[in-house]
N, C-alpha and C. Protein backbone atom coordinates (compact mmCIF):
# COMPACT_ATOMS: atom_id res chain seq x y z
N MET A 1 -250.71 -122.22 -73.89
CA MET A 1 -251.83 -122.80 -73.16
C MET A 1 -251.29 -123.37 -71.84
N SER A 2 -251.95 -123.04 -70.74
CA SER A 2 -251.49 -123.49 -69.42
C SER A 2 -251.76 -124.98 -69.22
N ASP A 3 -251.07 -125.54 -68.24
CA ASP A 3 -251.30 -126.95 -67.88
C ASP A 3 -252.75 -127.17 -67.45
N ARG A 4 -253.29 -126.21 -66.69
CA ARG A 4 -254.68 -126.33 -66.23
C ARG A 4 -255.66 -126.29 -67.41
N HIS A 5 -255.36 -125.46 -68.39
CA HIS A 5 -256.22 -125.39 -69.58
C HIS A 5 -256.16 -126.71 -70.35
N GLN A 6 -254.96 -127.26 -70.49
CA GLN A 6 -254.80 -128.54 -71.19
C GLN A 6 -255.54 -129.65 -70.45
N ALA A 7 -255.39 -129.69 -69.12
CA ALA A 7 -256.11 -130.70 -68.33
C ALA A 7 -257.61 -130.50 -68.46
N GLY A 8 -258.03 -129.25 -68.44
CA GLY A 8 -259.45 -128.94 -68.57
C GLY A 8 -260.01 -129.38 -69.90
N MET A 9 -259.29 -129.12 -70.96
CA MET A 9 -259.77 -129.51 -72.28
C MET A 9 -259.84 -131.03 -72.39
N LYS A 10 -258.88 -131.72 -71.82
CA LYS A 10 -258.90 -133.19 -71.85
C LYS A 10 -260.13 -133.71 -71.08
N THR A 11 -260.35 -133.18 -69.89
CA THR A 11 -261.50 -133.62 -69.08
C THR A 11 -262.81 -133.25 -69.76
N ARG A 12 -262.88 -132.04 -70.27
CA ARG A 12 -264.08 -131.58 -70.97
C ARG A 12 -264.42 -132.51 -72.14
N ARG A 13 -263.42 -132.89 -72.90
CA ARG A 13 -263.65 -133.79 -74.03
C ARG A 13 -264.06 -135.18 -73.55
N THR A 14 -263.47 -135.65 -72.46
CA THR A 14 -263.83 -136.95 -71.91
C THR A 14 -265.29 -136.97 -71.47
N VAL A 15 -265.71 -135.92 -70.79
CA VAL A 15 -267.06 -135.87 -70.23
C VAL A 15 -268.11 -135.53 -71.29
N LEU A 16 -267.87 -134.47 -72.04
CA LEU A 16 -268.89 -133.97 -72.98
C LEU A 16 -268.78 -134.57 -74.37
N GLY A 17 -267.63 -135.10 -74.70
CA GLY A 17 -267.42 -135.69 -76.02
C GLY A 17 -266.78 -134.71 -76.98
N ASP A 18 -266.00 -135.24 -77.90
CA ASP A 18 -265.30 -134.40 -78.88
C ASP A 18 -266.26 -133.57 -79.72
N ALA A 19 -267.36 -134.16 -80.17
CA ALA A 19 -268.29 -133.44 -81.05
C ALA A 19 -268.83 -132.19 -80.35
N HIS A 20 -269.23 -132.33 -79.09
CA HIS A 20 -269.76 -131.18 -78.35
C HIS A 20 -268.70 -130.09 -78.20
N VAL A 21 -267.50 -130.49 -77.77
CA VAL A 21 -266.43 -129.52 -77.55
C VAL A 21 -266.01 -128.88 -78.86
N ASP A 22 -265.94 -129.66 -79.93
CA ASP A 22 -265.58 -129.10 -81.23
C ASP A 22 -266.60 -128.05 -81.68
N ARG A 23 -267.90 -128.33 -81.47
CA ARG A 23 -268.93 -127.34 -81.81
C ARG A 23 -268.78 -126.08 -80.97
N ALA A 24 -268.55 -126.24 -79.68
CA ALA A 24 -268.38 -125.09 -78.80
C ALA A 24 -267.16 -124.27 -79.19
N GLU A 25 -266.07 -124.94 -79.49
CA GLU A 25 -264.85 -124.23 -79.89
C GLU A 25 -265.04 -123.50 -81.21
N ALA A 26 -265.75 -124.12 -82.15
CA ALA A 26 -265.99 -123.48 -83.44
C ALA A 26 -266.90 -122.26 -83.31
N ALA A 27 -267.78 -122.29 -82.33
CA ALA A 27 -268.72 -121.18 -82.12
C ALA A 27 -268.13 -120.07 -81.26
N LYS A 28 -266.97 -120.30 -80.69
CA LYS A 28 -266.34 -119.32 -79.80
C LYS A 28 -265.98 -118.06 -80.57
N THR A 29 -266.26 -116.93 -79.95
CA THR A 29 -265.93 -115.64 -80.55
C THR A 29 -264.94 -114.90 -79.66
N ALA A 30 -264.41 -113.80 -80.15
CA ALA A 30 -263.52 -112.97 -79.35
C ALA A 30 -264.25 -112.48 -78.10
N PHE A 31 -265.55 -112.26 -78.20
CA PHE A 31 -266.34 -111.78 -77.07
C PHE A 31 -266.43 -112.79 -75.94
N ASP A 32 -266.69 -114.07 -76.28
CA ASP A 32 -266.89 -115.07 -75.22
C ASP A 32 -265.67 -115.96 -74.98
N ALA A 33 -264.59 -115.75 -75.71
CA ALA A 33 -263.38 -116.57 -75.51
C ALA A 33 -262.86 -116.51 -74.08
N PRO A 34 -262.82 -115.34 -73.44
CA PRO A 34 -262.35 -115.33 -72.05
C PRO A 34 -263.22 -116.18 -71.13
N PHE A 35 -264.53 -116.19 -71.35
CA PHE A 35 -265.43 -117.02 -70.55
C PHE A 35 -265.16 -118.50 -70.82
N GLN A 36 -264.99 -118.87 -72.07
CA GLN A 36 -264.71 -120.26 -72.42
C GLN A 36 -263.39 -120.72 -71.80
N ASP A 37 -262.40 -119.86 -71.82
CA ASP A 37 -261.12 -120.20 -71.18
C ASP A 37 -261.30 -120.36 -69.68
N PHE A 38 -262.09 -119.48 -69.08
CA PHE A 38 -262.34 -119.53 -67.64
C PHE A 38 -263.00 -120.85 -67.24
N ILE A 39 -264.05 -121.27 -67.96
CA ILE A 39 -264.72 -122.51 -67.57
C ILE A 39 -263.85 -123.73 -67.89
N THR A 40 -263.06 -123.64 -68.96
CA THR A 40 -262.17 -124.77 -69.28
C THR A 40 -261.14 -124.95 -68.17
N GLU A 41 -260.58 -123.87 -67.70
CA GLU A 41 -259.59 -123.96 -66.63
C GLU A 41 -260.23 -124.15 -65.26
N GLY A 42 -261.24 -123.34 -64.95
CA GLY A 42 -261.82 -123.33 -63.61
C GLY A 42 -262.70 -124.52 -63.30
N ALA A 43 -263.60 -124.84 -64.21
CA ALA A 43 -264.50 -125.97 -63.98
C ALA A 43 -263.83 -127.28 -64.38
N TRP A 44 -263.42 -127.37 -65.64
CA TRP A 44 -262.92 -128.64 -66.18
C TRP A 44 -261.49 -128.94 -65.75
N GLY A 45 -260.63 -127.93 -65.69
CA GLY A 45 -259.22 -128.16 -65.36
C GLY A 45 -258.93 -128.14 -63.88
N SER A 46 -259.85 -127.63 -63.10
CA SER A 46 -259.65 -127.56 -61.66
C SER A 46 -260.58 -128.54 -60.94
N VAL A 47 -261.86 -128.25 -60.94
CA VAL A 47 -262.80 -129.07 -60.16
C VAL A 47 -262.99 -130.46 -60.78
N TRP A 48 -263.33 -130.54 -62.05
CA TRP A 48 -263.61 -131.84 -62.67
C TRP A 48 -262.35 -132.70 -62.79
N ALA A 49 -261.18 -132.10 -62.89
CA ALA A 49 -259.95 -132.86 -63.07
C ALA A 49 -259.30 -133.29 -61.75
N ARG A 50 -259.87 -132.89 -60.64
CA ARG A 50 -259.29 -133.24 -59.34
C ARG A 50 -259.44 -134.73 -59.04
N PRO A 51 -258.51 -135.27 -58.27
CA PRO A 51 -258.71 -136.62 -57.77
C PRO A 51 -259.71 -136.58 -56.61
N GLY A 52 -260.17 -137.71 -56.19
CA GLY A 52 -261.02 -137.76 -55.01
C GLY A 52 -262.45 -138.16 -55.29
N LEU A 53 -262.96 -137.80 -56.45
CA LEU A 53 -264.29 -138.24 -56.88
C LEU A 53 -264.17 -138.73 -58.32
N SER A 54 -264.95 -139.73 -58.64
CA SER A 54 -264.96 -140.23 -60.02
C SER A 54 -265.75 -139.26 -60.90
N LEU A 55 -265.58 -139.39 -62.20
CA LEU A 55 -266.38 -138.59 -63.13
C LEU A 55 -267.87 -138.90 -62.94
N ARG A 56 -268.20 -140.15 -62.62
CA ARG A 56 -269.58 -140.54 -62.36
C ARG A 56 -270.14 -139.76 -61.18
N ASP A 57 -269.37 -139.72 -60.09
CA ASP A 57 -269.82 -138.99 -58.90
C ASP A 57 -269.96 -137.50 -59.19
N ARG A 58 -269.00 -136.94 -59.88
CA ARG A 58 -269.07 -135.52 -60.22
C ARG A 58 -270.27 -135.24 -61.11
N SER A 59 -270.56 -136.16 -62.00
CA SER A 59 -271.71 -136.02 -62.89
C SER A 59 -273.01 -135.97 -62.09
N LEU A 60 -273.16 -136.87 -61.13
CA LEU A 60 -274.37 -136.90 -60.30
C LEU A 60 -274.52 -135.63 -59.47
N ILE A 61 -273.42 -135.19 -58.88
CA ILE A 61 -273.45 -133.96 -58.08
C ILE A 61 -273.82 -132.77 -58.97
N THR A 62 -273.18 -132.69 -60.12
CA THR A 62 -273.45 -131.59 -61.04
C THR A 62 -274.91 -131.57 -61.46
N LEU A 63 -275.44 -132.73 -61.82
CA LEU A 63 -276.84 -132.78 -62.24
C LEU A 63 -277.79 -132.39 -61.13
N ALA A 64 -277.52 -132.81 -59.92
CA ALA A 64 -278.38 -132.42 -58.79
C ALA A 64 -278.33 -130.91 -58.59
N LEU A 65 -277.14 -130.33 -58.64
CA LEU A 65 -277.03 -128.88 -58.46
C LEU A 65 -277.70 -128.11 -59.59
N LEU A 66 -277.48 -128.54 -60.82
CA LEU A 66 -278.10 -127.86 -61.95
C LEU A 66 -279.62 -127.93 -61.87
N ALA A 67 -280.13 -129.09 -61.49
CA ALA A 67 -281.59 -129.25 -61.36
C ALA A 67 -282.12 -128.37 -60.24
N ALA A 68 -281.43 -128.35 -59.11
CA ALA A 68 -281.87 -127.54 -57.97
C ALA A 68 -281.91 -126.06 -58.32
N LEU A 69 -281.00 -125.64 -59.20
CA LEU A 69 -280.93 -124.24 -59.59
C LEU A 69 -281.75 -123.91 -60.83
N GLY A 70 -282.34 -124.93 -61.46
CA GLY A 70 -283.19 -124.70 -62.62
C GLY A 70 -282.46 -124.37 -63.91
N HIS A 71 -281.26 -124.89 -64.06
CA HIS A 71 -280.46 -124.65 -65.27
C HIS A 71 -280.72 -125.78 -66.28
N TRP A 72 -281.87 -125.70 -66.94
CA TRP A 72 -282.39 -126.84 -67.71
C TRP A 72 -281.54 -127.20 -68.93
N ASP A 73 -281.02 -126.23 -69.66
CA ASP A 73 -280.16 -126.56 -70.81
C ASP A 73 -278.90 -127.29 -70.35
N GLU A 74 -278.36 -126.86 -69.23
CA GLU A 74 -277.18 -127.51 -68.68
C GLU A 74 -277.52 -128.91 -68.16
N VAL A 75 -278.73 -129.08 -67.60
CA VAL A 75 -279.16 -130.42 -67.17
C VAL A 75 -279.15 -131.34 -68.38
N ALA A 76 -279.76 -130.92 -69.46
CA ALA A 76 -279.82 -131.76 -70.66
C ALA A 76 -278.42 -132.11 -71.16
N MET A 77 -277.53 -131.12 -71.20
CA MET A 77 -276.16 -131.37 -71.67
C MET A 77 -275.47 -132.40 -70.78
N HIS A 78 -275.64 -132.26 -69.46
CA HIS A 78 -274.95 -133.18 -68.56
C HIS A 78 -275.63 -134.56 -68.51
N VAL A 79 -276.91 -134.64 -68.84
CA VAL A 79 -277.54 -135.96 -69.00
C VAL A 79 -276.90 -136.68 -70.17
N ARG A 80 -276.74 -135.99 -71.29
CA ARG A 80 -276.09 -136.61 -72.44
C ARG A 80 -274.66 -137.05 -72.07
N ALA A 81 -274.00 -136.27 -71.23
CA ALA A 81 -272.63 -136.60 -70.82
C ALA A 81 -272.57 -137.85 -69.96
N THR A 82 -273.68 -138.25 -69.35
CA THR A 82 -273.65 -139.47 -68.52
C THR A 82 -273.27 -140.69 -69.34
N LEU A 83 -273.46 -140.62 -70.66
CA LEU A 83 -273.03 -141.73 -71.51
C LEU A 83 -271.51 -141.90 -71.42
N ASN A 84 -270.81 -140.81 -71.08
CA ASN A 84 -269.35 -140.84 -70.95
C ASN A 84 -268.88 -140.97 -69.50
N THR A 85 -269.70 -140.55 -68.55
CA THR A 85 -269.26 -140.56 -67.14
C THR A 85 -269.65 -141.83 -66.41
N GLY A 86 -270.61 -142.57 -66.96
CA GLY A 86 -271.03 -143.81 -66.31
C GLY A 86 -272.17 -143.68 -65.34
N ALA A 87 -272.66 -142.46 -65.10
CA ALA A 87 -273.84 -142.30 -64.25
C ALA A 87 -275.04 -142.90 -64.98
N THR A 88 -275.83 -143.69 -64.28
CA THR A 88 -276.93 -144.42 -64.91
C THR A 88 -278.26 -143.69 -64.72
N PRO A 89 -279.23 -144.03 -65.56
CA PRO A 89 -280.57 -143.45 -65.35
C PRO A 89 -281.12 -143.71 -63.94
N ASP A 90 -280.90 -144.89 -63.42
CA ASP A 90 -281.37 -145.19 -62.06
C ASP A 90 -280.70 -144.26 -61.04
N GLU A 91 -279.42 -143.99 -61.22
CA GLU A 91 -278.72 -143.08 -60.30
C GLU A 91 -279.22 -141.65 -60.45
N LEU A 92 -279.53 -141.24 -61.66
CA LEU A 92 -280.09 -139.90 -61.86
C LEU A 92 -281.45 -139.78 -61.19
N ARG A 93 -282.25 -140.83 -61.29
CA ARG A 93 -283.55 -140.82 -60.61
C ARG A 93 -283.35 -140.65 -59.12
N GLU A 94 -282.40 -141.36 -58.54
CA GLU A 94 -282.12 -141.23 -57.11
C GLU A 94 -281.65 -139.83 -56.76
N ALA A 95 -280.80 -139.27 -57.60
CA ALA A 95 -280.31 -137.90 -57.36
C ALA A 95 -281.48 -136.91 -57.38
N MET A 96 -282.44 -137.14 -58.27
CA MET A 96 -283.58 -136.22 -58.35
C MET A 96 -284.50 -136.36 -57.14
N LEU A 97 -284.51 -137.53 -56.52
CA LEU A 97 -285.25 -137.66 -55.26
C LEU A 97 -284.61 -136.78 -54.19
N HIS A 98 -283.29 -136.71 -54.19
CA HIS A 98 -282.59 -135.81 -53.26
C HIS A 98 -282.92 -134.36 -53.59
N VAL A 99 -282.94 -134.04 -54.86
CA VAL A 99 -283.31 -132.68 -55.27
C VAL A 99 -284.70 -132.34 -54.75
N ALA A 100 -285.63 -133.29 -54.90
CA ALA A 100 -287.01 -133.04 -54.44
C ALA A 100 -287.05 -132.72 -52.96
N VAL A 101 -286.31 -133.49 -52.16
CA VAL A 101 -286.34 -133.29 -50.70
C VAL A 101 -285.62 -132.01 -50.31
N TYR A 102 -284.46 -131.74 -50.88
CA TYR A 102 -283.62 -130.64 -50.42
C TYR A 102 -283.78 -129.35 -51.20
N ALA A 103 -284.32 -129.41 -52.42
CA ALA A 103 -284.45 -128.19 -53.23
C ALA A 103 -285.86 -127.95 -53.71
N GLY A 104 -286.72 -128.95 -53.60
CA GLY A 104 -288.11 -128.74 -53.97
C GLY A 104 -288.61 -129.69 -55.04
N VAL A 105 -289.84 -130.11 -54.85
CA VAL A 105 -290.48 -131.02 -55.79
C VAL A 105 -290.61 -130.43 -57.18
N PRO A 106 -290.99 -129.14 -57.34
CA PRO A 106 -291.10 -128.61 -58.70
C PRO A 106 -289.79 -128.69 -59.49
N ALA A 107 -288.67 -128.43 -58.84
CA ALA A 107 -287.38 -128.51 -59.53
C ALA A 107 -287.09 -129.94 -59.97
N ALA A 108 -287.31 -130.89 -59.08
CA ALA A 108 -287.06 -132.29 -59.42
C ALA A 108 -288.03 -132.78 -60.49
N ASN A 109 -289.26 -132.38 -60.39
CA ASN A 109 -290.27 -132.80 -61.37
C ASN A 109 -289.89 -132.31 -62.77
N HIS A 110 -289.50 -131.04 -62.87
CA HIS A 110 -289.12 -130.52 -64.18
C HIS A 110 -287.82 -131.16 -64.66
N ALA A 111 -286.89 -131.38 -63.74
CA ALA A 111 -285.63 -132.03 -64.12
C ALA A 111 -285.88 -133.42 -64.69
N LEU A 112 -286.81 -134.16 -64.10
CA LEU A 112 -287.12 -135.50 -64.62
C LEU A 112 -287.64 -135.43 -66.05
N LYS A 113 -288.43 -134.40 -66.37
CA LYS A 113 -288.90 -134.21 -67.75
C LYS A 113 -287.73 -133.93 -68.68
N VAL A 114 -286.81 -133.08 -68.24
CA VAL A 114 -285.64 -132.75 -69.06
C VAL A 114 -284.77 -133.98 -69.23
N ILE A 115 -284.59 -134.74 -68.17
CA ILE A 115 -283.77 -135.96 -68.22
C ILE A 115 -284.37 -136.96 -69.21
N ARG A 116 -285.68 -137.18 -69.12
CA ARG A 116 -286.34 -138.12 -70.06
C ARG A 116 -286.13 -137.67 -71.50
N ALA A 117 -286.31 -136.38 -71.77
CA ALA A 117 -286.16 -135.87 -73.14
C ALA A 117 -284.71 -136.01 -73.62
N ALA A 118 -283.76 -135.70 -72.75
CA ALA A 118 -282.35 -135.80 -73.14
C ALA A 118 -281.95 -137.24 -73.42
N TYR A 119 -282.40 -138.16 -72.58
CA TYR A 119 -282.10 -139.56 -72.84
C TYR A 119 -282.77 -140.03 -74.14
N ALA A 120 -284.00 -139.61 -74.39
CA ALA A 120 -284.67 -139.98 -75.64
C ALA A 120 -283.88 -139.48 -76.84
N GLU A 121 -283.34 -138.28 -76.71
CA GLU A 121 -282.56 -137.67 -77.79
C GLU A 121 -281.35 -138.51 -78.17
N VAL A 122 -280.75 -139.19 -77.20
CA VAL A 122 -279.56 -140.00 -77.47
C VAL A 122 -279.88 -141.49 -77.56
N GLY A 123 -281.18 -141.83 -77.56
CA GLY A 123 -281.59 -143.20 -77.77
C GLY A 123 -281.56 -144.10 -76.55
N VAL A 124 -281.56 -143.51 -75.35
CA VAL A 124 -281.59 -144.30 -74.13
C VAL A 124 -283.05 -144.48 -73.72
N GLU A 125 -283.47 -145.73 -73.65
CA GLU A 125 -284.85 -146.03 -73.23
C GLU A 125 -284.91 -146.14 -71.72
N LEU A 126 -285.92 -145.51 -71.16
CA LEU A 126 -286.10 -145.56 -69.71
C LEU A 126 -287.26 -146.46 -69.36
């Protein structure tokens, strides 16, 4: 296992939590293993593990981008991860205002619904 893969797995576990990563690893097949390795090294071991931005900041940026692109399952996953990154519901609301202005009101509106549902799922009252 490369250093970047090890760093990626550490960051991935920090952000998403051991339970999530353990489920993903258990579900990994020979077919999707190369993709899982790629995102572990490329996203988690490279971008997320870099110095310069906090996990909180990266979380907010990621959520804004995912919302702008309409990746709703990923939005929900990263909302749950805010419990580990320190991004607050108030900060997510502010990020979605940016999404509304720069990517469109429909994207931000739907993202807010996904955010509310994801927070409800983990017991965060808004």
